[in-house]
Amino acid sequence: MNRFHTLLTSALLLALAAPLANAQADAGSPAKKLYCWNEGGRKVCGDALPAHAVDSARTEISARSGLRTGQVDRALTPEERVLADQAARAARSAAMAEEARKRRDHAMAESYATEQELRDSFQERIILLDETVKASQLGIEGRRQTLLSLLRRAGEAELGTKPVSKTLADNIRHQHEELMHQQDMLKQQLAERSVADDDLAAALERYHTMKARRPNQG
């Protein structure tokens, strides 16, 4: 009788062990998936993804549960990749610029103990801009007078039926180029001066914001 019970127990243990071993084997193997994609306007599904569908948008489905497990977008075209790269670079540049602005604002809040110190700093910049504009205007006027004098000499030579010398012609050309260059620089200086007051207003707003946040950051 004891021998019979021993054999029966062993048989039961083997019967129970077999499903457990199969379950463990299934758990260790990768989950099977189904793939669904569009071909010629119709939906196609299969347990393997053919080579021609690798770049297509597809849905991945668990073969066991029938539930969707993932979604893969179609591969980008070369033109789309270029645009995506450009957008990514633009986003990184914008993020870097924003971070640099935050650092400047933080440094500004640390550098100026009072609003008046900030105003004084901007006033120094405005005074310097005004002086630079004035100096450029005087330089342009002097250059214009020099050019007019040279042109007058050249005109007198032509009226006297004398050829304009190469030295005089080269000097006229040089003075004209320098005059154009100084006028371009003056335009930039005037543009910078025109926004100086707006820059001060924006700096004051950021300064007040940073100062208001500092007690909460301690």
N, C-alpha and C. Protein backbone atom coordinates (compact mmCIF):
# COMPACT_ATOMS: atom_id res chain seq x y z
N MET A 1 0.83 -1.21 0.00
CA MET A 1 0.00 0.00 0.00
C MET A 1 0.86 1.25 0.00
N ASN A 2 1.91 1.24 0.80
CA ASN A 2 2.79 2.41 0.84
C ASN A 2 3.45 2.64 -0.51
N ARG A 3 3.83 1.53 -1.16
CA ARG A 3 4.45 1.66 -2.48
C ARG A 3 3.47 2.26 -3.48
N PHE A 4 2.23 1.88 -3.40
CA PHE A 4 1.21 2.41 -4.30
C PHE A 4 1.05 3.93 -4.10
N HIS A 5 0.97 4.34 -2.82
CA HIS A 5 0.82 5.79 -2.54
C HIS A 5 2.03 6.58 -3.02
N THR A 6 3.21 6.00 -2.91
CA THR A 6 4.43 6.68 -3.37
C THR A 6 4.40 6.90 -4.87
N LEU A 7 4.00 5.84 -5.63
CA LEU A 7 3.92 5.96 -7.08
C LEU A 7 2.87 6.98 -7.49
N LEU A 8 1.74 6.97 -6.78
CA LEU A 8 0.66 7.91 -7.11
C LEU A 8 1.10 9.36 -6.86
N THR A 9 1.79 9.55 -5.75
CA THR A 9 2.27 10.91 -5.43
C THR A 9 3.26 11.38 -6.47
N SER A 10 4.17 10.53 -6.90
CA SER A 10 5.17 10.90 -7.92
C SER A 10 4.50 11.26 -9.23
N ALA A 11 3.49 10.48 -9.60
CA ALA A 11 2.78 10.76 -10.85
C ALA A 11 2.09 12.11 -10.80
N LEU A 12 1.48 12.41 -9.64
CA LEU A 12 0.80 13.70 -9.50
C LEU A 12 1.78 14.86 -9.58
N LEU A 13 2.95 14.69 -8.94
CA LEU A 13 3.97 15.74 -8.97
C LEU A 13 4.47 15.97 -10.40
N LEU A 14 4.66 14.91 -11.17
CA LEU A 14 5.10 15.05 -12.56
C LEU A 14 4.04 15.75 -13.40
N ALA A 15 2.76 15.41 -13.15
CA ALA A 15 1.67 16.02 -13.91
C ALA A 15 1.57 17.51 -13.63
N LEU A 16 1.83 17.88 -12.36
CA LEU A 16 1.77 19.30 -12.00
C LEU A 16 2.99 20.05 -12.49
N ALA A 17 4.13 19.39 -12.55
CA ALA A 17 5.38 20.05 -12.92
C ALA A 17 5.43 20.40 -14.41
N ALA A 18 4.79 19.58 -15.25
CA ALA A 18 4.84 19.80 -16.69
C ALA A 18 4.23 21.13 -17.10
N PRO A 19 2.99 21.48 -16.67
CA PRO A 19 2.43 22.80 -17.04
C PRO A 19 3.26 23.95 -16.49
N LEU A 20 3.81 23.77 -15.27
CA LEU A 20 4.61 24.82 -14.68
C LEU A 20 5.86 25.09 -15.52
N ALA A 21 6.49 24.01 -15.98
CA ALA A 21 7.69 24.17 -16.81
C ALA A 21 7.36 24.85 -18.12
N ASN A 22 6.21 24.51 -18.71
CA ASN A 22 5.80 25.16 -19.96
C ASN A 22 5.53 26.65 -19.75
N ALA A 23 4.90 26.99 -18.61
CA ALA A 23 4.60 28.39 -18.33
C ALA A 23 5.88 29.18 -18.15
N GLN A 24 6.86 28.56 -17.45
CA GLN A 24 8.13 29.24 -17.27
C GLN A 24 8.85 29.44 -18.60
N ALA A 25 8.75 28.47 -19.48
CA ALA A 25 9.38 28.58 -20.79
C ALA A 25 8.75 29.70 -21.59
N ASP A 26 7.39 29.80 -21.49
CA ASP A 26 6.69 30.86 -22.21
C ASP A 26 7.06 32.23 -21.65
N ALA A 27 7.22 32.29 -20.32
CA ALA A 27 7.55 33.58 -19.71
C ALA A 27 8.94 34.02 -20.13
N GLY A 28 9.87 33.07 -20.32
CA GLY A 28 11.23 33.43 -20.68
C GLY A 28 11.39 33.79 -22.14
N SER A 29 10.47 33.40 -23.00
CA SER A 29 10.58 33.68 -24.42
C SER A 29 9.96 35.04 -24.72
N PRO A 30 10.44 35.72 -25.76
CA PRO A 30 9.89 37.03 -26.09
C PRO A 30 8.44 36.92 -26.53
N ALA A 31 7.64 37.93 -26.13
CA ALA A 31 6.22 37.92 -26.47
C ALA A 31 6.05 38.08 -27.98
N LYS A 32 5.18 37.26 -28.52
CA LYS A 32 4.92 37.35 -29.96
C LYS A 32 4.05 38.55 -30.25
N LYS A 33 4.31 39.19 -31.40
CA LYS A 33 3.56 40.38 -31.78
C LYS A 33 2.98 40.22 -33.18
N LEU A 34 1.90 40.91 -33.39
CA LEU A 34 1.31 41.04 -34.71
C LEU A 34 1.53 42.47 -35.19
N TYR A 35 1.67 42.64 -36.49
CA TYR A 35 1.90 43.96 -37.08
C TYR A 35 0.78 44.26 -38.06
N CYS A 36 0.28 45.49 -38.02
CA CYS A 36 -0.74 45.92 -38.96
C CYS A 36 -0.28 47.21 -39.63
N TRP A 37 -0.34 47.26 -40.95
CA TRP A 37 0.07 48.44 -41.71
C TRP A 37 -0.82 48.56 -42.93
N ASN A 38 -0.69 49.67 -43.64
CA ASN A 38 -1.51 49.91 -44.83
C ASN A 38 -0.72 49.64 -46.09
N GLU A 39 -1.36 48.97 -47.00
CA GLU A 39 -0.75 48.69 -48.31
C GLU A 39 -1.79 48.98 -49.37
N GLY A 40 -1.50 49.97 -50.22
CA GLY A 40 -2.43 50.28 -51.31
C GLY A 40 -3.80 50.68 -50.82
N GLY A 41 -3.89 51.33 -49.67
CA GLY A 41 -5.18 51.78 -49.15
C GLY A 41 -5.93 50.73 -48.34
N ARG A 42 -5.33 49.56 -48.12
CA ARG A 42 -6.01 48.54 -47.32
C ARG A 42 -5.13 48.11 -46.16
N LYS A 43 -5.75 47.69 -45.08
CA LYS A 43 -5.03 47.30 -43.87
C LYS A 43 -4.56 45.85 -44.00
N VAL A 44 -3.28 45.64 -43.71
CA VAL A 44 -2.68 44.30 -43.77
C VAL A 44 -2.07 43.99 -42.41
N CYS A 45 -2.27 42.76 -41.94
CA CYS A 45 -1.72 42.34 -40.65
C CYS A 45 -0.97 41.03 -40.82
N GLY A 46 0.03 40.84 -40.00
CA GLY A 46 0.79 39.60 -40.05
C GLY A 46 1.69 39.48 -38.84
N ASP A 47 2.22 38.27 -38.62
CA ASP A 47 3.09 38.05 -37.47
C ASP A 47 4.55 38.36 -37.79
N ALA A 48 4.81 38.79 -39.02
CA ALA A 48 6.16 39.21 -39.42
C ALA A 48 6.04 40.45 -40.29
N LEU A 49 7.01 41.31 -40.19
CA LEU A 49 6.99 42.56 -40.95
C LEU A 49 7.86 42.42 -42.19
N PRO A 50 7.27 42.47 -43.38
CA PRO A 50 8.06 42.32 -44.61
C PRO A 50 8.99 43.51 -44.82
N ALA A 51 10.02 43.31 -45.60
CA ALA A 51 11.03 44.35 -45.80
C ALA A 51 10.43 45.62 -46.38
N HIS A 52 9.45 45.49 -47.30
CA HIS A 52 8.90 46.68 -47.94
C HIS A 52 8.03 47.51 -47.00
N ALA A 53 7.69 46.95 -45.83
CA ALA A 53 6.84 47.67 -44.88
C ALA A 53 7.61 48.20 -43.68
N VAL A 54 8.93 48.04 -43.69
CA VAL A 54 9.74 48.45 -42.53
C VAL A 54 9.61 49.95 -42.28
N ASP A 55 9.54 50.75 -43.35
CA ASP A 55 9.46 52.19 -43.19
C ASP A 55 8.03 52.72 -43.09
N SER A 56 7.05 51.82 -43.12
CA SER A 56 5.65 52.25 -43.07
C SER A 56 5.20 52.44 -41.63
N ALA A 57 4.18 53.29 -41.45
CA ALA A 57 3.56 53.42 -40.13
C ALA A 57 2.85 52.11 -39.82
N ARG A 58 2.94 51.68 -38.57
CA ARG A 58 2.34 50.39 -38.22
C ARG A 58 1.90 50.38 -36.76
N THR A 59 0.97 49.47 -36.50
CA THR A 59 0.50 49.22 -35.13
C THR A 59 1.01 47.86 -34.70
N GLU A 60 1.51 47.74 -33.47
CA GLU A 60 1.99 46.48 -32.93
C GLU A 60 0.98 45.97 -31.91
N ILE A 61 0.63 44.69 -32.05
CA ILE A 61 -0.43 44.08 -31.24
C ILE A 61 0.11 42.82 -30.57
N SER A 62 -0.24 42.63 -29.31
CA SER A 62 0.16 41.41 -28.61
C SER A 62 -0.61 40.22 -29.17
N ALA A 63 0.12 39.17 -29.57
CA ALA A 63 -0.54 37.98 -30.13
C ALA A 63 -1.31 37.24 -29.05
N ARG A 64 -0.89 37.40 -27.79
CA ARG A 64 -1.57 36.68 -26.71
C ARG A 64 -2.86 37.36 -26.29
N SER A 65 -2.79 38.71 -26.07
CA SER A 65 -3.96 39.40 -25.54
C SER A 65 -4.81 40.07 -26.62
N GLY A 66 -4.22 40.31 -27.80
CA GLY A 66 -4.94 41.02 -28.84
C GLY A 66 -5.00 42.52 -28.63
N LEU A 67 -4.27 43.01 -27.62
CA LEU A 67 -4.27 44.44 -27.32
C LEU A 67 -3.11 45.13 -28.02
N ARG A 68 -3.32 46.40 -28.37
CA ARG A 68 -2.26 47.16 -29.00
C ARG A 68 -1.15 47.46 -27.99
N THR A 69 0.08 47.22 -28.38
CA THR A 69 1.22 47.44 -27.49
C THR A 69 2.11 48.60 -27.93
N GLY A 70 1.93 49.08 -29.15
CA GLY A 70 2.78 50.17 -29.62
C GLY A 70 2.33 50.69 -30.96
N GLN A 71 2.86 51.89 -31.29
CA GLN A 71 2.56 52.53 -32.55
C GLN A 71 3.86 53.10 -33.09
N VAL A 72 4.21 52.76 -34.32
CA VAL A 72 5.45 53.23 -34.94
C VAL A 72 5.08 54.09 -36.14
N ASP A 73 5.55 55.33 -36.14
CA ASP A 73 5.28 56.22 -37.28
C ASP A 73 6.14 55.83 -38.48
N ARG A 74 5.72 56.28 -39.62
CA ARG A 74 6.48 55.98 -40.84
C ARG A 74 7.83 56.69 -40.79
N ALA A 75 8.79 56.16 -41.54
CA ALA A 75 10.11 56.78 -41.61
C ALA A 75 10.01 58.10 -42.36
N LEU A 76 10.80 59.07 -41.93
CA LEU A 76 10.80 60.38 -42.58
C LEU A 76 11.54 60.33 -43.91
N THR A 77 11.09 61.16 -44.84
CA THR A 77 11.81 61.30 -46.11
C THR A 77 13.07 62.12 -45.86
N PRO A 78 14.04 62.10 -46.78
CA PRO A 78 15.24 62.94 -46.59
C PRO A 78 14.91 64.41 -46.38
N GLU A 79 13.92 64.92 -47.12
CA GLU A 79 13.54 66.33 -46.96
C GLU A 79 12.95 66.56 -45.57
N GLU A 80 12.12 65.63 -45.11
CA GLU A 80 11.52 65.77 -43.79
C GLU A 80 12.57 65.67 -42.69
N ARG A 81 13.57 64.83 -42.89
CA ARG A 81 14.64 64.73 -41.89
C ARG A 81 15.42 66.04 -41.80
N VAL A 82 15.66 66.67 -42.96
CA VAL A 82 16.36 67.96 -42.95
C VAL A 82 15.54 68.99 -42.18
N LEU A 83 14.23 69.05 -42.46
CA LEU A 83 13.36 70.00 -41.76
C LEU A 83 13.30 69.69 -40.27
N ALA A 84 13.25 68.40 -39.93
CA ALA A 84 13.21 68.02 -38.51
C ALA A 84 14.50 68.40 -37.81
N ASP A 85 15.63 68.20 -38.49
CA ASP A 85 16.92 68.60 -37.91
C ASP A 85 16.99 70.11 -37.72
N GLN A 86 16.50 70.85 -38.70
CA GLN A 86 16.50 72.31 -38.58
C GLN A 86 15.62 72.76 -37.42
N ALA A 87 14.45 72.13 -37.29
CA ALA A 87 13.55 72.49 -36.19
C ALA A 87 14.18 72.15 -34.84
N ALA A 88 14.88 71.01 -34.79
CA ALA A 88 15.53 70.63 -33.54
C ALA A 88 16.64 71.60 -33.18
N ARG A 89 17.43 72.00 -34.19
CA ARG A 89 18.50 72.97 -33.93
C ARG A 89 17.92 74.31 -33.48
N ALA A 90 16.83 74.72 -34.13
CA ALA A 90 16.20 75.99 -33.75
C ALA A 90 15.68 75.92 -32.31
N ALA A 91 15.11 74.77 -31.94
CA ALA A 91 14.61 74.60 -30.58
C ALA A 91 15.76 74.64 -29.57
N ARG A 92 16.88 73.97 -29.93
CA ARG A 92 18.04 74.00 -29.02
C ARG A 92 18.60 75.41 -28.89
N SER A 93 18.65 76.13 -30.00
CA SER A 93 19.16 77.51 -29.96
C SER A 93 18.25 78.39 -29.10
N ALA A 94 16.94 78.21 -29.26
CA ALA A 94 16.00 79.00 -28.46
C ALA A 94 16.13 78.67 -26.98
N ALA A 95 16.31 77.38 -26.68
CA ALA A 95 16.48 76.98 -25.28
C ALA A 95 17.77 77.56 -24.70
N MET A 96 18.84 77.53 -25.49
CA MET A 96 20.12 78.10 -25.03
C MET A 96 20.00 79.60 -24.81
N ALA A 97 19.29 80.29 -25.74
CA ALA A 97 19.11 81.73 -25.60
C ALA A 97 18.30 82.07 -24.36
N GLU A 98 17.27 81.26 -24.10
CA GLU A 98 16.45 81.48 -22.91
C GLU A 98 17.25 81.25 -21.64
N GLU A 99 18.07 80.22 -21.65
CA GLU A 99 18.92 79.94 -20.49
C GLU A 99 19.93 81.07 -20.28
N ALA A 100 20.50 81.58 -21.37
CA ALA A 100 21.44 82.70 -21.26
C ALA A 100 20.74 83.94 -20.71
N ARG A 101 19.51 84.17 -21.15
CA ARG A 101 18.75 85.31 -20.64
C ARG A 101 18.50 85.18 -19.15
N LYS A 102 18.16 83.97 -18.70
CA LYS A 102 17.93 83.75 -17.27
C LYS A 102 19.20 84.00 -16.47
N ARG A 103 20.34 83.56 -17.02
CA ARG A 103 21.60 83.80 -16.32
C ARG A 103 21.90 85.30 -16.24
N ARG A 104 21.62 86.02 -17.34
CA ARG A 104 21.84 87.46 -17.31
C ARG A 104 20.94 88.14 -16.31
N ASP A 105 19.67 87.71 -16.28
CA ASP A 105 18.74 88.31 -15.32
C ASP A 105 19.18 88.04 -13.89
N HIS A 106 19.63 86.81 -13.64
CA HIS A 106 20.10 86.47 -12.30
C HIS A 106 21.32 87.30 -11.93
N ALA A 107 22.25 87.44 -12.87
CA ALA A 107 23.44 88.24 -12.62
C ALA A 107 23.07 89.70 -12.39
N MET A 108 22.08 90.18 -13.13
CA MET A 108 21.65 91.56 -12.96
C MET A 108 21.08 91.79 -11.57
N ALA A 109 20.26 90.84 -11.11
CA ALA A 109 19.68 90.97 -9.78
C ALA A 109 20.75 90.92 -8.70
N GLU A 110 21.82 90.14 -8.96
CA GLU A 110 22.90 90.04 -7.99
C GLU A 110 23.82 91.26 -8.04
N SER A 111 23.94 91.88 -9.22
CA SER A 111 24.92 92.95 -9.42
C SER A 111 24.43 94.29 -8.89
N TYR A 112 23.12 94.54 -8.97
CA TYR A 112 22.59 95.85 -8.59
C TYR A 112 21.76 95.71 -7.32
N ALA A 113 22.20 96.40 -6.29
CA ALA A 113 21.50 96.32 -5.01
C ALA A 113 20.19 97.08 -5.04
N THR A 114 20.13 98.13 -5.85
CA THR A 114 18.93 98.95 -5.91
C THR A 114 18.55 99.22 -7.37
N GLU A 115 17.33 99.65 -7.54
CA GLU A 115 16.86 100.01 -8.88
C GLU A 115 17.65 101.18 -9.43
N GLN A 116 18.01 102.13 -8.57
CA GLN A 116 18.74 103.30 -9.02
C GLN A 116 20.10 102.93 -9.60
N GLU A 117 20.76 101.92 -9.00
CA GLU A 117 22.04 101.47 -9.55
C GLU A 117 21.86 100.93 -10.96
N LEU A 118 20.78 100.21 -11.18
CA LEU A 118 20.50 99.70 -12.52
C LEU A 118 20.22 100.85 -13.49
N ARG A 119 19.44 101.82 -13.04
CA ARG A 119 19.16 102.97 -13.89
C ARG A 119 20.44 103.73 -14.23
N ASP A 120 21.31 103.91 -13.23
CA ASP A 120 22.57 104.62 -13.46
C ASP A 120 23.43 103.89 -14.48
N SER A 121 23.44 102.54 -14.39
CA SER A 121 24.22 101.75 -15.33
C SER A 121 23.71 101.94 -16.76
N PHE A 122 22.39 101.91 -16.93
CA PHE A 122 21.83 102.12 -18.26
C PHE A 122 22.04 103.55 -18.73
N GLN A 123 22.01 104.50 -17.79
CA GLN A 123 22.22 105.89 -18.18
C GLN A 123 23.63 106.09 -18.71
N GLU A 124 24.59 105.40 -18.12
CA GLU A 124 25.96 105.47 -18.64
C GLU A 124 26.03 104.95 -20.07
N ARG A 125 25.31 103.87 -20.32
CA ARG A 125 25.28 103.31 -21.68
C ARG A 125 24.62 104.29 -22.64
N ILE A 126 23.52 104.91 -22.21
CA ILE A 126 22.81 105.86 -23.08
C ILE A 126 23.68 107.07 -23.39
N ILE A 127 24.39 107.56 -22.38
CA ILE A 127 25.29 108.70 -22.60
C ILE A 127 26.38 108.33 -23.60
N LEU A 128 26.93 107.11 -23.43
CA LEU A 128 27.97 106.65 -24.36
C LEU A 128 27.43 106.54 -25.78
N LEU A 129 26.20 106.03 -25.93
CA LEU A 129 25.59 105.93 -27.25
C LEU A 129 25.40 107.32 -27.86
N ASP A 130 24.92 108.26 -27.06
CA ASP A 130 24.72 109.61 -27.57
C ASP A 130 26.04 110.23 -28.05
N GLU A 131 27.09 110.01 -27.27
CA GLU A 131 28.39 110.56 -27.65
C GLU A 131 28.92 109.88 -28.92
N THR A 132 28.68 108.58 -29.04
CA THR A 132 29.12 107.85 -30.23
C THR A 132 28.38 108.35 -31.47
N VAL A 133 27.07 108.56 -31.33
CA VAL A 133 26.28 109.08 -32.45
C VAL A 133 26.78 110.47 -32.86
N LYS A 134 27.03 111.32 -31.86
CA LYS A 134 27.50 112.67 -32.16
C LYS A 134 28.86 112.64 -32.88
N ALA A 135 29.76 111.78 -32.40
CA ALA A 135 31.07 111.67 -33.03
C ALA A 135 30.94 111.17 -34.46
N SER A 136 30.05 110.22 -34.70
CA SER A 136 29.86 109.70 -36.06
C SER A 136 29.29 110.78 -36.97
N GLN A 137 28.35 111.55 -36.46
CA GLN A 137 27.76 112.62 -37.26
C GLN A 137 28.82 113.66 -37.64
N LEU A 138 29.69 114.03 -36.68
CA LEU A 138 30.76 114.98 -36.98
C LEU A 138 31.74 114.40 -38.00
N GLY A 139 32.05 113.09 -37.84
CA GLY A 139 32.95 112.44 -38.79
C GLY A 139 32.38 112.39 -40.18
N ILE A 140 31.09 112.13 -40.28
CA ILE A 140 30.43 112.09 -41.59
C ILE A 140 30.44 113.47 -42.24
N GLU A 141 30.17 114.51 -41.44
CA GLU A 141 30.16 115.85 -41.99
C GLU A 141 31.56 116.24 -42.48
N GLY A 142 32.59 115.89 -41.72
CA GLY A 142 33.95 116.18 -42.16
C GLY A 142 34.31 115.42 -43.42
N ARG A 143 33.90 114.14 -43.47
CA ARG A 143 34.19 113.34 -44.66
C ARG A 143 33.45 113.90 -45.87
N ARG A 144 32.22 114.37 -45.67
CA ARG A 144 31.45 114.93 -46.78
C ARG A 144 32.12 116.21 -47.31
N GLN A 145 32.61 117.05 -46.40
CA GLN A 145 33.27 118.28 -46.84
C GLN A 145 34.55 117.97 -47.62
N THR A 146 35.29 116.97 -47.15
CA THR A 146 36.51 116.58 -47.86
C THR A 146 36.17 116.08 -49.26
N LEU A 147 35.11 115.24 -49.35
CA LEU A 147 34.71 114.71 -50.65
C LEU A 147 34.25 115.83 -51.58
N LEU A 148 33.50 116.80 -51.05
CA LEU A 148 33.05 117.92 -51.88
C LEU A 148 34.23 118.73 -52.39
N SER A 149 35.23 118.91 -51.52
CA SER A 149 36.42 119.65 -51.95
C SER A 149 37.14 118.93 -53.07
N LEU A 150 37.26 117.62 -52.95
CA LEU A 150 37.93 116.84 -54.00
C LEU A 150 37.14 116.87 -55.29
N LEU A 151 35.82 116.77 -55.19
CA LEU A 151 34.98 116.82 -56.38
C LEU A 151 35.07 118.20 -57.05
N ARG A 152 35.19 119.23 -56.22
CA ARG A 152 35.33 120.58 -56.79
C ARG A 152 36.63 120.70 -57.57
N ARG A 153 37.69 120.15 -57.01
CA ARG A 153 38.97 120.17 -57.72
C ARG A 153 38.89 119.41 -59.04
N ALA A 154 38.23 118.26 -58.98
CA ALA A 154 38.10 117.48 -60.21
C ALA A 154 37.27 118.23 -61.24
N GLY A 155 36.21 118.92 -60.78
CA GLY A 155 35.37 119.69 -61.70
C GLY A 155 36.12 120.86 -62.31
N GLU A 156 36.92 121.52 -61.49
CA GLU A 156 37.70 122.63 -62.02
C GLU A 156 38.71 122.16 -63.06
N ALA A 157 39.30 120.97 -62.80
CA ALA A 157 40.26 120.42 -63.77
C ALA A 157 39.57 120.13 -65.09
N GLU A 158 38.37 119.57 -65.04
CA GLU A 158 37.66 119.26 -66.27
C GLU A 158 37.22 120.54 -66.99
N LEU A 159 36.82 121.55 -66.22
CA LEU A 159 36.44 122.82 -66.84
C LEU A 159 37.64 123.49 -67.50
N GLY A 160 38.82 123.25 -66.93
CA GLY A 160 40.03 123.80 -67.52
C GLY A 160 40.62 122.90 -68.57
N THR A 161 39.81 121.93 -69.01
CA THR A 161 40.24 120.97 -70.04
C THR A 161 41.51 120.23 -69.63
N LYS A 162 41.65 120.01 -68.32
CA LYS A 162 42.78 119.24 -67.84
C LYS A 162 42.27 117.88 -67.35
N PRO A 163 43.01 116.83 -67.58
CA PRO A 163 42.57 115.51 -67.11
C PRO A 163 42.63 115.43 -65.57
N VAL A 164 41.68 114.66 -65.03
CA VAL A 164 41.69 114.41 -63.59
C VAL A 164 42.75 113.37 -63.31
N SER A 165 43.68 113.71 -62.43
CA SER A 165 44.79 112.79 -62.15
C SER A 165 44.28 111.51 -61.49
N LYS A 166 45.05 110.43 -61.67
CA LYS A 166 44.68 109.14 -61.07
C LYS A 166 44.68 109.25 -59.55
N THR A 167 45.62 110.01 -59.01
CA THR A 167 45.68 110.17 -57.55
C THR A 167 44.42 110.82 -57.03
N LEU A 168 43.96 111.88 -57.72
CA LEU A 168 42.74 112.57 -57.30
C LEU A 168 41.52 111.67 -57.45
N ALA A 169 41.44 110.94 -58.55
CA ALA A 169 40.29 110.04 -58.77
C ALA A 169 40.25 108.94 -57.71
N ASP A 170 41.42 108.38 -57.38
CA ASP A 170 41.48 107.33 -56.35
C ASP A 170 41.08 107.89 -54.99
N ASN A 171 41.51 109.11 -54.71
CA ASN A 171 41.19 109.73 -53.44
C ASN A 171 39.68 109.98 -53.32
N ILE A 172 39.08 110.43 -54.42
CA ILE A 172 37.63 110.65 -54.44
C ILE A 172 36.89 109.33 -54.17
N ARG A 173 37.33 108.26 -54.84
CA ARG A 173 36.70 106.96 -54.67
C ARG A 173 36.84 106.49 -53.21
N HIS A 174 38.02 106.65 -52.64
CA HIS A 174 38.26 106.23 -51.26
C HIS A 174 37.40 107.02 -50.28
N GLN A 175 37.35 108.33 -50.46
CA GLN A 175 36.55 109.16 -49.56
C GLN A 175 35.07 108.81 -49.65
N HIS A 176 34.61 108.52 -50.85
CA HIS A 176 33.19 108.14 -51.02
C HIS A 176 32.89 106.81 -50.31
N GLU A 177 33.77 105.83 -50.46
CA GLU A 177 33.57 104.53 -49.81
C GLU A 177 33.56 104.69 -48.28
N GLU A 178 34.48 105.50 -47.77
CA GLU A 178 34.53 105.72 -46.33
C GLU A 178 33.27 106.45 -45.84
N LEU A 179 32.78 107.37 -46.64
CA LEU A 179 31.55 108.08 -46.27
C LEU A 179 30.37 107.12 -46.19
N MET A 180 30.26 106.22 -47.16
CA MET A 180 29.19 105.22 -47.14
C MET A 180 29.31 104.31 -45.92
N HIS A 181 30.52 103.91 -45.59
CA HIS A 181 30.76 103.04 -44.43
C HIS A 181 30.35 103.74 -43.13
N GLN A 182 30.74 105.01 -42.99
CA GLN A 182 30.40 105.74 -41.77
C GLN A 182 28.90 105.97 -41.67
N GLN A 183 28.23 106.17 -42.78
CA GLN A 183 26.78 106.35 -42.74
C GLN A 183 26.07 105.07 -42.32
N ASP A 184 26.59 103.93 -42.79
CA ASP A 184 26.02 102.65 -42.36
C ASP A 184 26.21 102.44 -40.85
N MET A 185 27.38 102.76 -40.35
CA MET A 185 27.63 102.63 -38.92
C MET A 185 26.72 103.55 -38.11
N LEU A 186 26.50 104.75 -38.61
CA LEU A 186 25.62 105.68 -37.92
C LEU A 186 24.19 105.14 -37.85
N LYS A 187 23.74 104.50 -38.91
CA LYS A 187 22.40 103.91 -38.91
C LYS A 187 22.29 102.85 -37.80
N GLN A 188 23.31 102.02 -37.65
CA GLN A 188 23.30 101.00 -36.60
C GLN A 188 23.30 101.64 -35.22
N GLN A 189 24.11 102.67 -35.05
CA GLN A 189 24.18 103.36 -33.76
C GLN A 189 22.85 104.01 -33.40
N LEU A 190 22.21 104.64 -34.38
CA LEU A 190 20.91 105.27 -34.14
C LEU A 190 19.86 104.22 -33.80
N ALA A 191 19.92 103.06 -34.46
CA ALA A 191 18.97 101.99 -34.17
C ALA A 191 19.16 101.48 -32.74
N GLU A 192 20.42 101.32 -32.33
CA GLU A 192 20.70 100.87 -30.97
C GLU A 192 20.24 101.91 -29.95
N ARG A 193 20.48 103.17 -30.27
CA ARG A 193 20.05 104.24 -29.34
C ARG A 193 18.54 104.30 -29.23
N SER A 194 17.84 104.03 -30.34
CA SER A 194 16.38 104.14 -30.34
C SER A 194 15.71 103.11 -29.44
N VAL A 195 16.38 101.98 -29.18
CA VAL A 195 15.79 100.94 -28.34
C VAL A 195 16.37 100.95 -26.93
N ALA A 196 17.28 101.87 -26.65
CA ALA A 196 17.92 101.88 -25.33
C ALA A 196 16.90 102.11 -24.22
N ASP A 197 15.96 103.03 -24.44
CA ASP A 197 14.95 103.30 -23.42
C ASP A 197 14.04 102.09 -23.20
N ASP A 198 13.69 101.39 -24.29
CA ASP A 198 12.88 100.18 -24.16
C ASP A 198 13.66 99.09 -23.42
N ASP A 199 14.97 99.00 -23.71
CA ASP A 199 15.80 98.01 -23.02
C ASP A 199 15.83 98.28 -21.52
N LEU A 200 15.90 99.56 -21.14
CA LEU A 200 15.89 99.91 -19.72
C LEU A 200 14.57 99.50 -19.08
N ALA A 201 13.46 99.78 -19.74
CA ALA A 201 12.15 99.41 -19.19
C ALA A 201 12.04 97.90 -19.01
N ALA A 202 12.51 97.14 -20.01
CA ALA A 202 12.46 95.68 -19.91
C ALA A 202 13.38 95.17 -18.81
N ALA A 203 14.56 95.78 -18.69
CA ALA A 203 15.50 95.37 -17.64
C ALA A 203 14.93 95.63 -16.26
N LEU A 204 14.26 96.77 -16.09
CA LEU A 204 13.65 97.09 -14.80
C LEU A 204 12.56 96.08 -14.45
N GLU A 205 11.78 95.69 -15.46
CA GLU A 205 10.71 94.70 -15.21
C GLU A 205 11.30 93.37 -14.78
N ARG A 206 12.36 92.92 -15.48
CA ARG A 206 12.99 91.65 -15.11
C ARG A 206 13.67 91.77 -13.75
N TYR A 207 14.25 92.93 -13.48
CA TYR A 207 14.93 93.16 -12.20
C TYR A 207 13.93 93.03 -11.04
N HIS A 208 12.77 93.66 -11.18
CA HIS A 208 11.76 93.59 -10.13
C HIS A 208 11.27 92.15 -9.94
N THR A 209 11.12 91.43 -11.06
CA THR A 209 10.68 90.04 -10.98
C THR A 209 11.70 89.17 -10.24
N MET A 210 12.98 89.33 -10.59
CA MET A 210 14.02 88.54 -9.94
C MET A 210 14.14 88.89 -8.47
N LYS A 211 14.05 90.18 -8.12
CA LYS A 211 14.12 90.60 -6.73
C LYS A 211 12.96 90.04 -5.92
N ALA A 212 11.77 89.98 -6.55
CA ALA A 212 10.60 89.45 -5.85
C ALA A 212 10.72 87.96 -5.59
N ARG A 213 11.44 87.26 -6.46
CA ARG A 213 11.57 85.79 -6.30
C ARG A 213 12.63 85.41 -5.27
N ARG A 214 13.61 86.27 -5.06
CA ARG A 214 14.75 85.90 -4.23
C ARG A 214 14.39 85.48 -2.82
N PRO A 215 13.45 86.15 -2.11
CA PRO A 215 13.11 85.68 -0.76
C PRO A 215 12.56 84.28 -0.73
N ASN A 216 11.86 83.87 -1.82
CA ASN A 216 11.26 82.53 -1.88
C ASN A 216 12.26 81.46 -2.28
N GLN A 217 13.47 81.91 -2.76
CA GLN A 217 14.44 80.92 -3.21
C GLN A 217 15.43 80.56 -2.11
N GLY A 218 15.39 81.32 -1.00
CA GLY A 218 16.34 81.00 0.08
C GLY A 218 16.08 79.66 0.65
